[in-house]
Amino acid sequence: MNVGQVKALFKDFIDEADTTFISSANVALYCEIGYNQFRNVVNECDPSYYMEDYELSLVDGEMDLSTTAVSGEAGKFLLGDPADAPAKGQLSRLVKVASIGTSGDLTPAFYYTAAQGRDELQITADSFVLEGTVLRFSGKITDTIRLYYLPKTTVDFTEADATLIDDLTEFHDLIVLFAYGNYAVRDGAGNQQIALQGKTREEAFRAYLERGRNFGAADHVGYVD
């Protein structure tokens, strides 16, 4: 489904005859919220689906992601002002951090260990923690690192109706079902059939994601040291 189809289905579900109670801007906002909830389900079940990466230069063991530009995009930062977002989007959740022997290497030299806080950072070698916008490491390290992260969505539901959302088209009705749930709070009345359909479709979606899009990867137990 594209942006226009999602908005049209949402309007069908809410059955509002005109824009007196809900404007076009309201429709776009509810659909955007619904899509963020949709992406959260994907990120919980299959973080690799939306995952992106950038390389950055680490000096003295820490960097501010709102002021340290990503490689190849001067003046573009993973956190901070959305106007300064890089092409792949700003960081929503950090997945892992790798040390890169040479910039552009496909195989990282090693992965840093994620620490829960600064206390653990002090006792765990080659570890990192993200505090606010600052990424701190366990020592005064100078390195080229690659951040693997889940980006914030760049889909704008005020754009042209033909705008594509992503490749999970079989389940885009779930965006509308999530959007309706938020609308129902404002409306002050739920819809039992829509709520039931939302639960059924979310369960099917999670099962799809957990089985994986690659059948060959789901037929055995993997091991990573």
N, C-alpha and C. Protein backbone atom coordinates (compact mmCIF):
# COMPACT_ATOMS: atom_id res chain seq x y z
N MET A 1 0.83 -1.20 0.00
CA MET A 1 0.00 0.00 0.00
C MET A 1 0.87 1.25 0.00
N ASN A 2 0.37 2.31 -0.61
CA ASN A 2 1.07 3.57 -0.58
C ASN A 2 0.40 4.53 0.42
N VAL A 3 0.94 5.75 0.53
CA VAL A 3 0.42 6.71 1.51
C VAL A 3 -1.05 6.99 1.28
N GLY A 4 -1.44 7.20 0.03
CA GLY A 4 -2.83 7.50 -0.27
C GLY A 4 -3.77 6.37 0.09
N GLN A 5 -3.36 5.13 -0.16
CA GLN A 5 -4.21 3.98 0.15
C GLN A 5 -4.38 3.80 1.65
N VAL A 6 -3.32 4.03 2.40
CA VAL A 6 -3.41 3.93 3.86
C VAL A 6 -4.36 4.98 4.41
N LYS A 7 -4.24 6.22 3.94
CA LYS A 7 -5.12 7.28 4.41
C LYS A 7 -6.57 7.02 4.01
N ALA A 8 -6.77 6.50 2.80
CA ALA A 8 -8.13 6.22 2.34
C ALA A 8 -8.78 5.13 3.18
N LEU A 9 -8.02 4.09 3.53
CA LEU A 9 -8.57 3.02 4.35
C LEU A 9 -8.88 3.52 5.76
N PHE A 10 -8.01 4.38 6.29
CA PHE A 10 -8.25 4.97 7.61
C PHE A 10 -9.56 5.76 7.60
N LYS A 11 -9.79 6.55 6.55
CA LYS A 11 -11.03 7.33 6.45
C LYS A 11 -12.24 6.41 6.36
N ASP A 12 -12.09 5.28 5.67
CA ASP A 12 -13.19 4.31 5.61
C ASP A 12 -13.52 3.78 7.00
N PHE A 13 -12.48 3.48 7.77
CA PHE A 13 -12.69 2.91 9.10
C PHE A 13 -13.36 3.90 10.05
N ILE A 14 -12.95 5.17 10.00
CA ILE A 14 -13.50 6.13 10.96
C ILE A 14 -14.87 6.64 10.50
N ASP A 15 -15.15 6.50 9.20
CA ASP A 15 -16.48 6.83 8.66
C ASP A 15 -16.91 8.24 9.03
N GLU A 16 -16.01 9.20 8.81
CA GLU A 16 -16.35 10.61 9.01
C GLU A 16 -16.72 11.21 7.66
N ALA A 17 -17.88 11.81 7.56
CA ALA A 17 -18.38 12.28 6.27
C ALA A 17 -17.62 13.48 5.73
N ASP A 18 -17.08 14.33 6.61
CA ASP A 18 -16.36 15.52 6.14
C ASP A 18 -15.20 15.81 7.08
N THR A 19 -14.62 16.99 6.96
CA THR A 19 -13.43 17.35 7.77
C THR A 19 -13.80 18.20 8.97
N THR A 20 -15.08 18.20 9.36
CA THR A 20 -15.50 19.00 10.52
C THR A 20 -14.85 18.50 11.81
N PHE A 21 -14.86 17.18 11.98
CA PHE A 21 -14.32 16.60 13.21
C PHE A 21 -12.85 16.20 13.06
N ILE A 22 -12.45 15.78 11.88
CA ILE A 22 -11.07 15.35 11.67
C ILE A 22 -10.55 15.90 10.35
N SER A 23 -9.51 16.69 10.41
CA SER A 23 -8.96 17.36 9.23
C SER A 23 -7.99 16.44 8.49
N SER A 24 -7.54 16.87 7.33
CA SER A 24 -6.54 16.12 6.58
C SER A 24 -5.24 16.02 7.37
N ALA A 25 -4.91 17.08 8.11
CA ALA A 25 -3.70 17.05 8.95
C ALA A 25 -3.84 16.02 10.06
N ASN A 26 -5.05 15.90 10.63
CA ASN A 26 -5.31 14.88 11.65
C ASN A 26 -5.12 13.49 11.08
N VAL A 27 -5.66 13.26 9.89
CA VAL A 27 -5.53 11.95 9.24
C VAL A 27 -4.07 11.59 9.05
N ALA A 28 -3.28 12.55 8.55
CA ALA A 28 -1.85 12.31 8.34
C ALA A 28 -1.14 12.01 9.65
N LEU A 29 -1.51 12.73 10.71
CA LEU A 29 -0.86 12.52 12.01
C LEU A 29 -1.18 11.14 12.58
N TYR A 30 -2.45 10.73 12.53
CA TYR A 30 -2.81 9.42 13.05
C TYR A 30 -2.13 8.30 12.26
N CYS A 31 -2.04 8.48 10.96
CA CYS A 31 -1.37 7.46 10.14
C CYS A 31 0.14 7.42 10.44
N GLU A 32 0.73 8.58 10.70
CA GLU A 32 2.15 8.62 11.06
C GLU A 32 2.38 7.90 12.39
N ILE A 33 1.52 8.16 13.37
CA ILE A 33 1.63 7.48 14.65
C ILE A 33 1.45 5.97 14.47
N GLY A 34 0.47 5.59 13.65
CA GLY A 34 0.24 4.18 13.37
C GLY A 34 1.44 3.52 12.72
N TYR A 35 2.10 4.25 11.83
CA TYR A 35 3.27 3.68 11.16
C TYR A 35 4.44 3.53 12.12
N ASN A 36 4.60 4.48 13.05
CA ASN A 36 5.65 4.35 14.06
C ASN A 36 5.41 3.11 14.92
N GLN A 37 4.16 2.83 15.26
CA GLN A 37 3.84 1.62 16.03
C GLN A 37 4.12 0.37 15.19
N PHE A 38 3.80 0.44 13.94
CA PHE A 38 4.08 -0.65 13.00
C PHE A 38 5.58 -0.95 12.95
N ARG A 39 6.39 0.09 12.84
CA ARG A 39 7.84 -0.07 12.79
C ARG A 39 8.39 -0.63 14.11
N ASN A 40 7.77 -0.25 15.23
CA ASN A 40 8.22 -0.77 16.51
C ASN A 40 8.04 -2.28 16.59
N VAL A 41 6.94 -2.79 16.02
CA VAL A 41 6.72 -4.23 15.98
C VAL A 41 7.82 -4.89 15.15
N VAL A 42 8.13 -4.30 14.00
CA VAL A 42 9.19 -4.84 13.14
C VAL A 42 10.52 -4.85 13.88
N ASN A 43 10.84 -3.74 14.53
CA ASN A 43 12.13 -3.63 15.22
C ASN A 43 12.25 -4.61 16.38
N GLU A 44 11.15 -4.93 17.04
CA GLU A 44 11.18 -5.90 18.13
C GLU A 44 11.45 -7.31 17.60
N CYS A 45 10.87 -7.64 16.46
CA CYS A 45 10.95 -9.00 15.93
C CYS A 45 12.11 -9.21 14.97
N ASP A 46 12.46 -8.21 14.19
CA ASP A 46 13.50 -8.35 13.17
C ASP A 46 14.24 -7.03 13.01
N PRO A 47 15.20 -6.72 13.92
CA PRO A 47 15.90 -5.44 13.86
C PRO A 47 16.65 -5.22 12.55
N SER A 48 16.95 -6.28 11.85
CA SER A 48 17.73 -6.13 10.62
C SER A 48 16.92 -5.51 9.49
N TYR A 49 15.58 -5.50 9.61
CA TYR A 49 14.76 -5.07 8.49
C TYR A 49 15.01 -3.60 8.13
N TYR A 50 14.94 -2.73 9.11
CA TYR A 50 15.14 -1.30 8.85
C TYR A 50 16.57 -0.84 9.15
N MET A 51 17.41 -1.72 9.62
CA MET A 51 18.74 -1.33 10.13
C MET A 51 19.60 -0.65 9.05
N GLU A 52 20.25 0.42 9.45
CA GLU A 52 21.19 1.15 8.60
C GLU A 52 22.52 1.26 9.32
N ASP A 53 23.54 1.76 8.65
CA ASP A 53 24.83 1.94 9.32
C ASP A 53 25.57 3.13 8.73
N TYR A 54 26.40 3.72 9.58
CA TYR A 54 27.29 4.81 9.17
C TYR A 54 28.64 4.63 9.87
N GLU A 55 29.68 5.10 9.23
CA GLU A 55 31.00 5.12 9.85
C GLU A 55 31.28 6.52 10.40
N LEU A 56 31.97 6.56 11.55
CA LEU A 56 32.34 7.82 12.17
C LEU A 56 33.76 7.68 12.73
N SER A 57 34.41 8.81 12.93
CA SER A 57 35.77 8.81 13.47
C SER A 57 35.70 9.06 14.98
N LEU A 58 36.21 8.11 15.74
CA LEU A 58 36.23 8.20 17.20
C LEU A 58 37.59 8.71 17.66
N VAL A 59 37.58 9.73 18.51
CA VAL A 59 38.82 10.29 19.05
C VAL A 59 38.68 10.39 20.57
N ASP A 60 39.66 9.87 21.29
CA ASP A 60 39.73 9.97 22.75
C ASP A 60 38.57 9.28 23.46
N GLY A 61 37.96 8.30 22.80
CA GLY A 61 37.02 7.44 23.50
C GLY A 61 35.61 7.94 23.67
N GLU A 62 35.23 9.05 23.04
CA GLU A 62 33.84 9.47 23.11
C GLU A 62 33.52 10.39 21.93
N MET A 63 32.22 10.48 21.62
CA MET A 63 31.77 11.39 20.57
C MET A 63 30.33 11.80 20.84
N ASP A 64 30.02 13.02 20.46
CA ASP A 64 28.66 13.53 20.55
C ASP A 64 28.01 13.33 19.19
N LEU A 65 26.98 12.50 19.14
CA LEU A 65 26.35 12.17 17.87
C LEU A 65 25.53 13.31 17.30
N SER A 66 25.37 14.39 18.07
CA SER A 66 24.68 15.57 17.54
C SER A 66 25.64 16.57 16.93
N THR A 67 26.95 16.31 17.08
CA THR A 67 27.95 17.24 16.53
C THR A 67 29.04 16.53 15.73
N THR A 68 29.06 15.20 15.74
CA THR A 68 30.04 14.43 14.96
C THR A 68 29.39 13.98 13.67
N ALA A 69 29.86 14.49 12.55
CA ALA A 69 29.25 14.19 11.26
C ALA A 69 29.54 12.75 10.83
N VAL A 70 28.56 12.15 10.15
CA VAL A 70 28.75 10.81 9.62
C VAL A 70 29.67 10.87 8.42
N SER A 71 30.33 9.76 8.13
CA SER A 71 31.29 9.70 7.03
C SER A 71 30.59 9.96 5.70
N GLY A 72 31.17 10.85 4.91
CA GLY A 72 30.67 11.11 3.56
C GLY A 72 29.54 12.11 3.48
N GLU A 73 29.05 12.61 4.64
CA GLU A 73 27.96 13.58 4.63
C GLU A 73 28.28 14.70 5.62
N ALA A 74 29.02 15.68 5.17
CA ALA A 74 29.42 16.80 6.03
C ALA A 74 28.20 17.53 6.57
N GLY A 75 28.24 17.84 7.85
CA GLY A 75 27.15 18.58 8.47
C GLY A 75 25.90 17.78 8.72
N LYS A 76 26.01 16.43 8.64
CA LYS A 76 24.86 15.56 8.87
C LYS A 76 25.13 14.70 10.10
N PHE A 77 24.16 14.70 11.04
CA PHE A 77 24.38 14.07 12.33
C PHE A 77 23.26 13.08 12.66
N LEU A 78 23.61 12.03 13.40
CA LEU A 78 22.65 10.99 13.75
C LEU A 78 21.65 11.43 14.81
N LEU A 79 21.99 12.42 15.60
CA LEU A 79 21.09 12.97 16.61
C LEU A 79 21.11 14.50 16.52
N GLY A 80 20.13 15.13 17.16
CA GLY A 80 20.08 16.58 17.14
C GLY A 80 18.96 17.09 16.24
N ASP A 81 19.20 18.20 15.59
CA ASP A 81 18.20 18.86 14.76
C ASP A 81 17.81 17.96 13.58
N PRO A 82 16.51 17.63 13.43
CA PRO A 82 16.09 16.79 12.30
C PRO A 82 16.45 17.38 10.94
N ALA A 83 16.62 18.69 10.87
CA ALA A 83 17.01 19.32 9.61
C ALA A 83 18.41 18.90 9.18
N ASP A 84 19.20 18.40 10.12
CA ASP A 84 20.57 17.98 9.83
C ASP A 84 20.69 16.45 9.73
N ALA A 85 19.58 15.78 9.50
CA ALA A 85 19.59 14.31 9.43
C ALA A 85 20.34 13.82 8.20
N PRO A 86 21.09 12.73 8.31
CA PRO A 86 21.76 12.15 7.14
C PRO A 86 20.76 11.44 6.23
N ALA A 87 21.22 11.01 5.07
CA ALA A 87 20.34 10.43 4.05
C ALA A 87 19.59 9.19 4.55
N LYS A 88 20.23 8.39 5.41
CA LYS A 88 19.61 7.15 5.89
C LYS A 88 18.72 7.37 7.10
N GLY A 89 18.63 8.60 7.57
CA GLY A 89 17.75 8.90 8.70
C GLY A 89 18.50 9.02 10.02
N GLN A 90 17.86 9.69 10.97
CA GLN A 90 18.45 9.84 12.30
C GLN A 90 18.27 8.59 13.13
N LEU A 91 19.09 8.48 14.16
CA LEU A 91 19.09 7.31 15.03
C LEU A 91 17.87 7.30 15.94
N SER A 92 17.19 6.15 15.96
CA SER A 92 16.13 5.91 16.92
C SER A 92 16.62 4.98 18.01
N ARG A 93 17.24 3.86 17.61
CA ARG A 93 17.80 2.91 18.57
C ARG A 93 19.13 2.39 18.03
N LEU A 94 20.11 2.33 18.90
CA LEU A 94 21.43 1.83 18.54
C LEU A 94 21.45 0.31 18.68
N VAL A 95 21.86 -0.39 17.62
CA VAL A 95 21.86 -1.85 17.64
C VAL A 95 23.22 -2.41 18.05
N LYS A 96 24.29 -1.97 17.39
CA LYS A 96 25.63 -2.45 17.73
C LYS A 96 26.67 -1.50 17.17
N VAL A 97 27.87 -1.61 17.69
CA VAL A 97 28.97 -0.74 17.28
C VAL A 97 30.16 -1.62 16.94
N ALA A 98 30.75 -1.40 15.76
CA ALA A 98 31.87 -2.21 15.30
C ALA A 98 33.12 -1.36 15.13
N SER A 99 34.27 -2.00 15.34
CA SER A 99 35.56 -1.39 15.01
C SER A 99 35.90 -1.78 13.59
N ILE A 100 36.26 -0.80 12.77
CA ILE A 100 36.56 -1.05 11.35
C ILE A 100 38.06 -0.91 11.12
N GLY A 101 38.68 -1.96 10.65
CA GLY A 101 40.11 -1.90 10.39
C GLY A 101 40.45 -0.84 9.37
N THR A 102 39.77 -0.86 8.25
CA THR A 102 39.92 0.13 7.20
C THR A 102 38.54 0.59 6.78
N SER A 103 38.37 1.90 6.61
CA SER A 103 37.07 2.43 6.25
C SER A 103 36.51 1.71 5.02
N GLY A 104 35.26 1.26 5.14
CA GLY A 104 34.62 0.56 4.03
C GLY A 104 34.74 -0.95 4.08
N ASP A 105 35.53 -1.48 5.02
CA ASP A 105 35.66 -2.94 5.13
C ASP A 105 34.30 -3.56 5.41
N LEU A 106 33.96 -4.61 4.68
CA LEU A 106 32.69 -5.28 4.90
C LEU A 106 32.67 -6.05 6.21
N THR A 107 33.81 -6.64 6.57
CA THR A 107 33.91 -7.43 7.80
C THR A 107 34.59 -6.62 8.89
N PRO A 108 33.87 -6.26 9.96
CA PRO A 108 34.49 -5.48 11.04
C PRO A 108 35.60 -6.25 11.73
N ALA A 109 36.53 -5.51 12.33
CA ALA A 109 37.60 -6.16 13.09
C ALA A 109 37.02 -6.83 14.33
N PHE A 110 36.10 -6.15 15.02
CA PHE A 110 35.39 -6.73 16.16
C PHE A 110 34.23 -5.83 16.53
N TYR A 111 33.34 -6.33 17.38
CA TYR A 111 32.21 -5.54 17.87
C TYR A 111 32.46 -5.15 19.32
N TYR A 112 32.19 -3.90 19.64
CA TYR A 112 32.25 -3.46 21.03
C TYR A 112 31.06 -4.03 21.81
N THR A 113 31.26 -4.20 23.11
CA THR A 113 30.21 -4.73 23.99
C THR A 113 29.37 -3.59 24.53
N ALA A 114 28.06 -3.73 24.47
CA ALA A 114 27.16 -2.70 25.01
C ALA A 114 27.12 -2.79 26.53
N ALA A 115 27.39 -1.68 27.20
CA ALA A 115 27.32 -1.62 28.66
C ALA A 115 26.00 -0.98 29.08
N GLN A 116 25.53 -1.33 30.28
CA GLN A 116 24.26 -0.79 30.77
C GLN A 116 24.41 0.60 31.37
N GLY A 117 25.62 0.96 31.74
CA GLY A 117 25.84 2.27 32.34
C GLY A 117 27.32 2.52 32.50
N ARG A 118 27.65 3.68 33.06
CA ARG A 118 29.07 4.05 33.17
C ARG A 118 29.82 3.16 34.15
N ASP A 119 29.13 2.63 35.16
CA ASP A 119 29.79 1.73 36.10
C ASP A 119 30.30 0.48 35.39
N GLU A 120 29.44 -0.12 34.58
CA GLU A 120 29.85 -1.31 33.83
C GLU A 120 30.91 -0.96 32.79
N LEU A 121 30.81 0.24 32.23
CA LEU A 121 31.77 0.69 31.22
C LEU A 121 33.19 0.68 31.77
N GLN A 122 33.33 1.02 33.05
CA GLN A 122 34.65 1.12 33.66
C GLN A 122 35.31 -0.23 33.89
N ILE A 123 34.52 -1.30 33.92
CA ILE A 123 35.08 -2.61 34.23
C ILE A 123 35.01 -3.59 33.06
N THR A 124 34.47 -3.14 31.91
CA THR A 124 34.34 -4.03 30.75
C THR A 124 35.15 -3.48 29.60
N ALA A 125 36.18 -4.21 29.19
CA ALA A 125 37.05 -3.77 28.09
C ALA A 125 36.28 -3.71 26.78
N ASP A 126 36.67 -2.77 25.92
CA ASP A 126 36.07 -2.62 24.59
C ASP A 126 34.55 -2.56 24.66
N SER A 127 34.05 -1.69 25.53
CA SER A 127 32.60 -1.54 25.69
C SER A 127 32.19 -0.10 25.42
N PHE A 128 30.88 0.12 25.29
CA PHE A 128 30.36 1.46 25.02
C PHE A 128 29.03 1.64 25.73
N VAL A 129 28.65 2.91 25.89
CA VAL A 129 27.33 3.25 26.42
C VAL A 129 26.89 4.55 25.76
N LEU A 130 25.61 4.67 25.46
CA LEU A 130 25.06 5.89 24.88
C LEU A 130 24.35 6.65 25.98
N GLU A 131 24.86 7.83 26.32
CA GLU A 131 24.29 8.69 27.35
C GLU A 131 23.78 9.97 26.69
N GLY A 132 22.48 10.09 26.57
CA GLY A 132 21.94 11.25 25.86
C GLY A 132 22.37 11.21 24.40
N THR A 133 23.12 12.21 23.98
CA THR A 133 23.64 12.23 22.60
C THR A 133 25.10 11.79 22.53
N VAL A 134 25.70 11.49 23.70
CA VAL A 134 27.14 11.18 23.74
C VAL A 134 27.38 9.67 23.80
N LEU A 135 28.20 9.19 22.89
CA LEU A 135 28.59 7.79 22.87
C LEU A 135 29.96 7.69 23.54
N ARG A 136 30.01 6.97 24.68
CA ARG A 136 31.26 6.86 25.45
C ARG A 136 31.79 5.43 25.37
N PHE A 137 33.12 5.32 25.38
CA PHE A 137 33.78 4.02 25.31
C PHE A 137 34.60 3.78 26.57
N SER A 138 35.07 2.56 26.73
CA SER A 138 35.73 2.15 27.97
C SER A 138 37.15 2.66 28.11
N GLY A 139 37.67 3.29 27.09
CA GLY A 139 39.02 3.84 27.19
C GLY A 139 39.20 4.97 26.20
N LYS A 140 40.35 5.63 26.25
CA LYS A 140 40.65 6.73 25.32
C LYS A 140 41.06 6.13 23.97
N ILE A 141 40.08 5.68 23.25
CA ILE A 141 40.29 4.95 22.00
C ILE A 141 40.17 5.91 20.83
N THR A 142 41.07 5.77 19.87
CA THR A 142 40.95 6.45 18.59
C THR A 142 40.76 5.37 17.54
N ASP A 143 39.63 5.46 16.83
CA ASP A 143 39.25 4.33 15.97
C ASP A 143 38.26 4.82 14.90
N THR A 144 38.16 4.06 13.84
CA THR A 144 37.06 4.24 12.89
C THR A 144 36.00 3.21 13.26
N ILE A 145 34.81 3.69 13.59
CA ILE A 145 33.76 2.78 14.04
C ILE A 145 32.57 2.82 13.07
N ARG A 146 31.81 1.76 13.10
CA ARG A 146 30.58 1.69 12.31
C ARG A 146 29.42 1.49 13.26
N LEU A 147 28.45 2.39 13.22
CA LEU A 147 27.26 2.29 14.05
C LEU A 147 26.14 1.65 13.24
N TYR A 148 25.61 0.56 13.75
CA TYR A 148 24.43 -0.07 13.17
C TYR A 148 23.24 0.39 14.01
N TYR A 149 22.25 0.96 13.36
CA TYR A 149 21.17 1.57 14.12
C TYR A 149 19.83 1.45 13.39
N LEU A 150 18.76 1.65 14.17
CA LEU A 150 17.41 1.69 13.62
C LEU A 150 17.04 3.16 13.43
N PRO A 151 16.76 3.57 12.21
CA PRO A 151 16.48 4.99 11.96
C PRO A 151 15.04 5.37 12.23
N LYS A 152 14.83 6.66 12.50
CA LYS A 152 13.49 7.20 12.57
C LYS A 152 12.88 7.18 11.17
N THR A 153 11.59 7.06 11.09
CA THR A 153 10.95 7.02 9.79
C THR A 153 11.05 8.36 9.07
N THR A 154 11.19 8.29 7.76
CA THR A 154 11.19 9.50 6.94
C THR A 154 9.93 9.57 6.08
N VAL A 155 9.00 8.63 6.28
CA VAL A 155 7.75 8.64 5.52
C VAL A 155 6.87 9.77 6.02
N ASP A 156 6.42 10.62 5.10
CA ASP A 156 5.58 11.76 5.44
C ASP A 156 4.18 11.52 4.86
N PHE A 157 3.21 11.38 5.73
CA PHE A 157 1.85 11.08 5.27
C PHE A 157 1.10 12.30 4.75
N THR A 158 1.82 13.43 4.63
CA THR A 158 1.25 14.59 3.93
C THR A 158 1.77 14.66 2.50
N GLU A 159 2.65 13.73 2.14
CA GLU A 159 3.21 13.72 0.79
C GLU A 159 2.18 13.20 -0.22
N ALA A 160 2.61 13.15 -1.48
CA ALA A 160 1.73 12.69 -2.55
C ALA A 160 1.22 11.29 -2.26
N ASP A 161 -0.02 11.03 -2.66
CA ASP A 161 -0.66 9.75 -2.35
C ASP A 161 0.11 8.55 -2.90
N ALA A 162 0.85 8.73 -3.98
CA ALA A 162 1.55 7.60 -4.60
C ALA A 162 2.85 7.24 -3.88
N THR A 163 3.22 7.99 -2.83
CA THR A 163 4.45 7.74 -2.10
C THR A 163 4.44 6.35 -1.48
N LEU A 164 5.49 5.56 -1.76
CA LEU A 164 5.59 4.21 -1.21
C LEU A 164 6.02 4.28 0.25
N ILE A 165 5.61 3.30 1.04
CA ILE A 165 5.91 3.28 2.48
C ILE A 165 7.12 2.39 2.74
N ASP A 166 6.98 1.09 2.54
CA ASP A 166 8.10 0.15 2.59
C ASP A 166 7.63 -1.13 1.90
N ASP A 167 8.42 -2.19 1.99
CA ASP A 167 8.12 -3.41 1.24
C ASP A 167 7.19 -4.38 1.97
N LEU A 168 6.77 -4.04 3.17
CA LEU A 168 5.90 -4.93 3.95
C LEU A 168 4.43 -4.70 3.60
N THR A 169 4.15 -4.64 2.32
CA THR A 169 2.83 -4.22 1.84
C THR A 169 1.71 -5.15 2.28
N GLU A 170 2.00 -6.45 2.47
CA GLU A 170 0.94 -7.39 2.86
C GLU A 170 0.33 -7.06 4.22
N PHE A 171 1.05 -6.26 5.01
CA PHE A 171 0.59 -5.99 6.36
C PHE A 171 0.36 -4.50 6.61
N HIS A 172 0.30 -3.70 5.58
CA HIS A 172 0.12 -2.26 5.77
C HIS A 172 -1.26 -1.89 6.31
N ASP A 173 -2.22 -2.81 6.22
CA ASP A 173 -3.50 -2.54 6.86
C ASP A 173 -3.34 -2.38 8.36
N LEU A 174 -2.27 -2.96 8.93
CA LEU A 174 -2.02 -2.86 10.36
C LEU A 174 -1.68 -1.41 10.75
N ILE A 175 -1.07 -0.66 9.84
CA ILE A 175 -0.81 0.76 10.10
C ILE A 175 -2.13 1.46 10.38
N VAL A 176 -3.13 1.15 9.56
CA VAL A 176 -4.45 1.77 9.72
C VAL A 176 -5.10 1.32 11.02
N LEU A 177 -4.97 0.06 11.35
CA LEU A 177 -5.56 -0.46 12.59
C LEU A 177 -4.92 0.18 13.82
N PHE A 178 -3.60 0.38 13.77
CA PHE A 178 -2.94 1.10 14.86
C PHE A 178 -3.42 2.56 14.90
N ALA A 179 -3.51 3.18 13.73
CA ALA A 179 -3.94 4.58 13.64
C ALA A 179 -5.35 4.73 14.21
N TYR A 180 -6.21 3.77 13.91
CA TYR A 180 -7.59 3.84 14.42
C TYR A 180 -7.60 3.77 15.94
N GLY A 181 -6.73 2.96 16.52
CA GLY A 181 -6.67 2.85 17.97
C GLY A 181 -6.39 4.18 18.63
N ASN A 182 -5.52 5.00 18.01
CA ASN A 182 -5.23 6.33 18.55
C ASN A 182 -6.38 7.29 18.31
N TYR A 183 -7.01 7.17 17.15
CA TYR A 183 -8.19 7.99 16.86
C TYR A 183 -9.32 7.70 17.85
N ALA A 184 -9.49 6.43 18.23
CA ALA A 184 -10.58 6.03 19.12
C ALA A 184 -10.46 6.71 20.48
N VAL A 185 -9.23 7.03 20.90
CA VAL A 185 -9.04 7.75 22.17
C VAL A 185 -9.70 9.12 22.08
N ARG A 186 -9.49 9.78 20.96
CA ARG A 186 -10.10 11.11 20.76
C ARG A 186 -11.61 10.99 20.57
N ASP A 187 -12.02 9.98 19.84
CA ASP A 187 -13.44 9.80 19.52
C ASP A 187 -14.24 9.42 20.76
N GLY A 188 -13.55 8.81 21.74
CA GLY A 188 -14.22 8.41 22.96
C GLY A 188 -15.04 7.16 22.84
N ALA A 189 -14.83 6.42 21.74
CA ALA A 189 -15.60 5.17 21.53
C ALA A 189 -14.76 4.22 20.69
N GLY A 190 -14.69 2.98 21.12
CA GLY A 190 -13.95 1.98 20.38
C GLY A 190 -14.84 1.25 19.40
N ASN A 191 -14.22 0.37 18.64
CA ASN A 191 -14.93 -0.46 17.68
C ASN A 191 -14.44 -1.89 17.89
N GLN A 192 -15.32 -2.75 18.38
CA GLN A 192 -14.91 -4.09 18.76
C GLN A 192 -14.36 -4.88 17.58
N GLN A 193 -14.97 -4.74 16.42
CA GLN A 193 -14.53 -5.48 15.25
C GLN A 193 -13.14 -5.04 14.81
N ILE A 194 -12.89 -3.71 14.84
CA ILE A 194 -11.58 -3.21 14.44
C ILE A 194 -10.52 -3.61 15.47
N ALA A 195 -10.87 -3.57 16.75
CA ALA A 195 -9.92 -3.98 17.79
C ALA A 195 -9.55 -5.46 17.64
N LEU A 196 -10.53 -6.30 17.34
CA LEU A 196 -10.27 -7.72 17.15
C LEU A 196 -9.42 -7.96 15.91
N GLN A 197 -9.74 -7.23 14.85
CA GLN A 197 -8.95 -7.37 13.62
C GLN A 197 -7.51 -6.92 13.85
N GLY A 198 -7.34 -5.86 14.64
CA GLY A 198 -6.00 -5.38 14.95
C GLY A 198 -5.19 -6.42 15.69
N LYS A 199 -5.80 -7.08 16.66
CA LYS A 199 -5.11 -8.13 17.42
C LYS A 199 -4.75 -9.30 16.52
N THR A 200 -5.68 -9.71 15.66
CA THR A 200 -5.44 -10.84 14.77
C THR A 200 -4.32 -10.54 13.79
N ARG A 201 -4.36 -9.34 13.21
CA ARG A 201 -3.35 -8.98 12.21
C ARG A 201 -1.98 -8.79 12.84
N GLU A 202 -1.93 -8.24 14.06
CA GLU A 202 -0.63 -8.08 14.71
C GLU A 202 -0.02 -9.44 15.04
N GLU A 203 -0.82 -10.39 15.48
CA GLU A 203 -0.31 -11.73 15.75
C GLU A 203 0.23 -12.37 14.48
N ALA A 204 -0.48 -12.22 13.36
CA ALA A 204 -0.02 -12.78 12.09
C ALA A 204 1.27 -12.10 11.63
N PHE A 205 1.34 -10.79 11.85
CA PHE A 205 2.53 -10.02 11.46
C PHE A 205 3.75 -10.45 12.27
N ARG A 206 3.57 -10.59 13.58
CA ARG A 206 4.69 -11.02 14.42
C ARG A 206 5.15 -12.42 14.03
N ALA A 207 4.22 -13.31 13.72
CA ALA A 207 4.59 -14.67 13.31
C ALA A 207 5.38 -14.63 12.01
N TYR A 208 4.97 -13.78 11.09
CA TYR A 208 5.68 -13.63 9.81
C TYR A 208 7.11 -13.14 10.04
N LEU A 209 7.25 -12.13 10.89
CA LEU A 209 8.57 -11.55 11.14
C LEU A 209 9.47 -12.53 11.89
N GLU A 210 8.90 -13.27 12.85
CA GLU A 210 9.70 -14.18 13.66
C GLU A 210 10.15 -15.41 12.89
N ARG A 211 9.34 -15.83 11.91
CA ARG A 211 9.78 -16.93 11.04
C ARG A 211 10.86 -16.47 10.08
N GLY A 212 10.86 -15.19 9.79
CA GLY A 212 11.88 -14.64 8.92
C GLY A 212 11.46 -14.63 7.46
N ARG A 213 11.96 -13.63 6.73
CA ARG A 213 11.65 -13.54 5.30
C ARG A 213 12.49 -14.51 4.49
N ASN A 214 13.57 -15.00 5.09
CA ASN A 214 14.47 -15.96 4.43
C ASN A 214 14.23 -17.33 5.05
N PHE A 215 13.50 -18.21 4.35
CA PHE A 215 13.15 -19.51 4.91
C PHE A 215 14.38 -20.32 5.29
N GLY A 216 15.45 -20.22 4.53
CA GLY A 216 16.66 -21.00 4.80
C GLY A 216 17.32 -20.64 6.12
N ALA A 217 17.11 -19.40 6.57
CA ALA A 217 17.73 -18.96 7.82
C ALA A 217 16.95 -19.43 9.03
N ALA A 218 15.70 -19.85 8.83
CA ALA A 218 14.84 -20.21 9.95
C ALA A 218 14.75 -21.72 10.17
N ASP A 219 15.49 -22.51 9.37
CA ASP A 219 15.36 -23.97 9.48
C ASP A 219 16.45 -24.60 10.32
N HIS A 220 17.25 -23.75 11.04
CA HIS A 220 18.29 -24.31 11.89
C HIS A 220 18.62 -23.31 13.00
N VAL A 221 19.31 -23.78 14.02
CA VAL A 221 19.74 -22.93 15.13
C VAL A 221 21.11 -22.37 14.81
N GLY A 222 21.23 -21.06 14.82
CA GLY A 222 22.51 -20.43 14.52
C GLY A 222 23.32 -20.22 15.78
N TYR A 223 24.62 -20.00 15.60
CA TYR A 223 25.50 -19.76 16.74
C TYR A 223 26.45 -18.62 16.41
N VAL A 224 26.52 -17.63 17.31
CA VAL A 224 27.44 -16.52 17.16
C VAL A 224 28.20 -16.39 18.46
N ASP A 225 29.53 -16.42 18.40
CA ASP A 225 30.34 -16.29 19.60
C ASP A 225 30.35 -14.84 20.03
